[in-house]
Protein backbone atom coordinates (compact mmCIF):
# COMPACT_ATOMS: atom_id res chain seq x y z
CA GLN A 1 98.61 54.73 -95.83
CA VAL A 2 100.28 56.36 -92.83
CA GLN A 3 103.99 57.04 -93.01
CA LEU A 4 105.85 57.44 -89.72
CA VAL A 5 109.41 58.60 -89.12
CA GLU A 6 110.95 58.54 -85.65
CA SER A 7 113.88 60.65 -84.54
CA GLY A 8 115.63 61.79 -81.39
CA GLY A 9 117.21 58.58 -80.17
CA GLY A 10 120.77 58.39 -78.99
CA LEU A 11 123.17 57.52 -76.20
CA VAL A 12 122.64 59.00 -72.75
CA GLN A 13 123.79 58.31 -69.22
CA ALA A 14 121.45 56.90 -66.61
CA GLY A 15 119.42 59.69 -65.08
CA GLY A 16 119.47 61.72 -68.25
CA SER A 17 116.72 62.68 -70.66
CA LEU A 18 115.78 62.30 -74.31
CA ARG A 19 112.88 63.54 -76.40
CA LEU A 20 111.68 61.34 -79.23
CA SER A 21 109.67 62.65 -82.15
CA CYS A 22 107.43 60.93 -84.67
CA ALA A 23 106.42 62.72 -87.86
CA ALA A 24 103.29 61.41 -89.56
CA SER A 25 101.97 61.87 -93.06
CA GLY A 26 99.38 60.38 -95.39
CA ARG A 27 96.31 60.69 -93.14
CA THR A 28 94.57 63.35 -91.10
CA PHE A 29 96.81 63.30 -88.05
CA SER A 30 94.28 64.55 -85.52
CA ASN A 31 92.08 61.51 -86.21
CA LEU A 32 94.83 58.99 -85.50
CA SER A 33 95.36 57.03 -82.36
CA MET A 34 99.09 57.00 -81.71
CA GLY A 35 101.40 54.89 -79.61
CA TRP A 36 104.99 54.31 -78.59
CA PHE A 37 106.41 50.81 -78.20
CA ARG A 38 109.89 49.54 -77.54
CA GLN A 39 111.76 46.32 -78.12
CA ALA A 40 115.01 45.21 -76.55
CA PRO A 41 117.10 42.32 -77.91
CA GLY A 42 115.57 38.97 -77.04
CA LYS A 43 112.37 40.51 -75.68
CA GLU A 44 108.86 41.02 -77.01
CA ARG A 45 107.62 44.40 -78.10
CA GLU A 46 106.55 46.35 -75.02
CA PHE A 47 103.89 49.02 -74.71
CA VAL A 48 105.28 52.37 -73.60
CA ALA A 49 102.61 55.03 -74.07
CA ALA A 50 99.65 55.97 -76.24
CA MET A 51 97.29 58.82 -77.02
CA SER A 52 93.89 57.79 -78.26
CA TRP A 53 90.24 58.69 -77.99
CA ILE A 54 87.61 58.32 -75.33
CA ASP A 55 83.94 58.52 -76.35
CA ASN A 56 85.04 59.86 -79.75
CA SER A 57 85.42 63.26 -78.14
CA ARG A 58 88.82 63.80 -76.54
CA TYR A 59 92.30 62.39 -76.26
CA TYR A 60 93.55 60.42 -73.33
CA ALA A 61 97.02 59.24 -72.43
CA ASP A 62 98.03 55.81 -71.20
CA TYR A 63 101.41 54.56 -69.97
CA GLY A 64 103.11 51.30 -69.33
CA ASP A 65 103.80 50.58 -65.68
CA SER A 66 107.56 50.68 -66.11
CA VAL A 67 107.58 54.23 -67.49
CA ARG A 68 104.68 55.93 -65.72
CA GLY A 69 105.89 59.00 -63.87
CA ARG A 70 109.07 59.26 -65.94
CA PHE A 71 107.84 59.49 -69.54
CA THR A 72 105.32 61.89 -71.03
CA ILE A 73 103.54 61.43 -74.35
CA SER A 74 102.21 64.44 -76.23
CA ARG A 75 101.08 65.42 -79.70
CA ASP A 76 101.05 68.55 -81.79
CA ASN A 77 98.33 68.19 -84.40
CA ALA A 78 99.41 71.37 -86.19
CA LYS A 79 102.80 69.76 -86.83
CA ASN A 80 101.51 66.22 -87.43
CA SER A 81 103.88 65.06 -84.74
CA LEU A 82 103.93 62.81 -81.71
CA TYR A 83 106.48 63.15 -78.92
CA LEU A 84 107.83 61.12 -76.05
CA GLN A 85 109.70 62.99 -73.34
CA MET A 86 111.82 60.52 -71.40
CA ASN A 87 113.26 61.60 -68.06
CA SER A 88 115.18 59.77 -65.34
CA LEU A 89 116.32 57.19 -67.86
CA LYS A 90 117.46 53.79 -66.65
CA THR A 91 119.65 51.20 -68.31
CA GLU A 92 116.59 48.98 -68.67
CA ASP A 93 115.05 51.61 -70.95
CA THR A 94 117.59 50.66 -73.61
CA ALA A 95 115.67 49.51 -76.68
CA VAL A 96 114.56 50.41 -80.16
CA TYR A 97 111.57 52.72 -79.83
CA TYR A 98 108.79 52.56 -82.41
CA CYS A 99 106.02 54.97 -83.25
CA ALA A 100 102.71 53.39 -84.29
CA ALA A 101 99.40 54.67 -85.66
CA THR A 102 95.89 53.48 -86.38
CA THR A 103 92.81 55.14 -87.78
CA GLY A 104 90.70 53.29 -85.25
CA ARG A 105 89.39 55.10 -82.19
CA ASN A 106 87.93 52.17 -80.31
CA VAL A 107 91.12 50.17 -79.93
CA ALA A 108 93.05 48.42 -77.20
CA VAL A 109 96.03 50.76 -77.33
CA ARG A 110 98.37 48.48 -75.38
CA MET A 111 98.19 45.78 -78.05
CA PRO A 112 100.62 46.06 -80.98
CA LYS A 113 98.19 44.26 -83.30
CA GLN A 114 95.76 47.16 -82.98
CA TYR A 115 98.06 49.41 -85.01
CA ASP A 116 98.16 49.61 -88.80
CA SER A 117 101.35 51.58 -89.38
CA TRP A 118 104.80 51.55 -87.82
CA GLY A 119 107.92 53.63 -88.10
CA GLN A 120 111.39 52.25 -88.64
CA GLY A 121 112.41 52.72 -85.02
CA THR A 122 115.01 54.82 -83.26
CA GLN A 123 117.66 53.42 -80.94
CA VAL A 124 117.83 54.58 -77.34
CA THR A 125 120.84 53.44 -75.35
CA VAL A 126 121.23 54.28 -71.67
CA SER A 127 124.64 53.72 -70.12
CA SER A 128 125.72 53.52 -66.49
């Protein structure tokens, strides 16, 4: 019911920056809880960041420990888009990054199983 398309991945040197985008369609975007996850070869899917609801009244942002202070999640409801600004990239950030969405507001945003829809992923490769 929710279609998601990621873009913005690529190859960068350590210390550089990338901005990922996720375009959503099929549902009222402002009502969606949204998240970013990543998966490197041989590893489980890892929580990166999310924007969801608190008390059904406002958005809040949450970050994984490994990216807090370097990555920033944001959303533009007028454009039905979610963004992930990634700064000070490290080689360990190399992974396929996925955008995820759910219509639920009372969800555990760090858990992949809480999300109903997923994008196809965009590759981020950080070289040194």
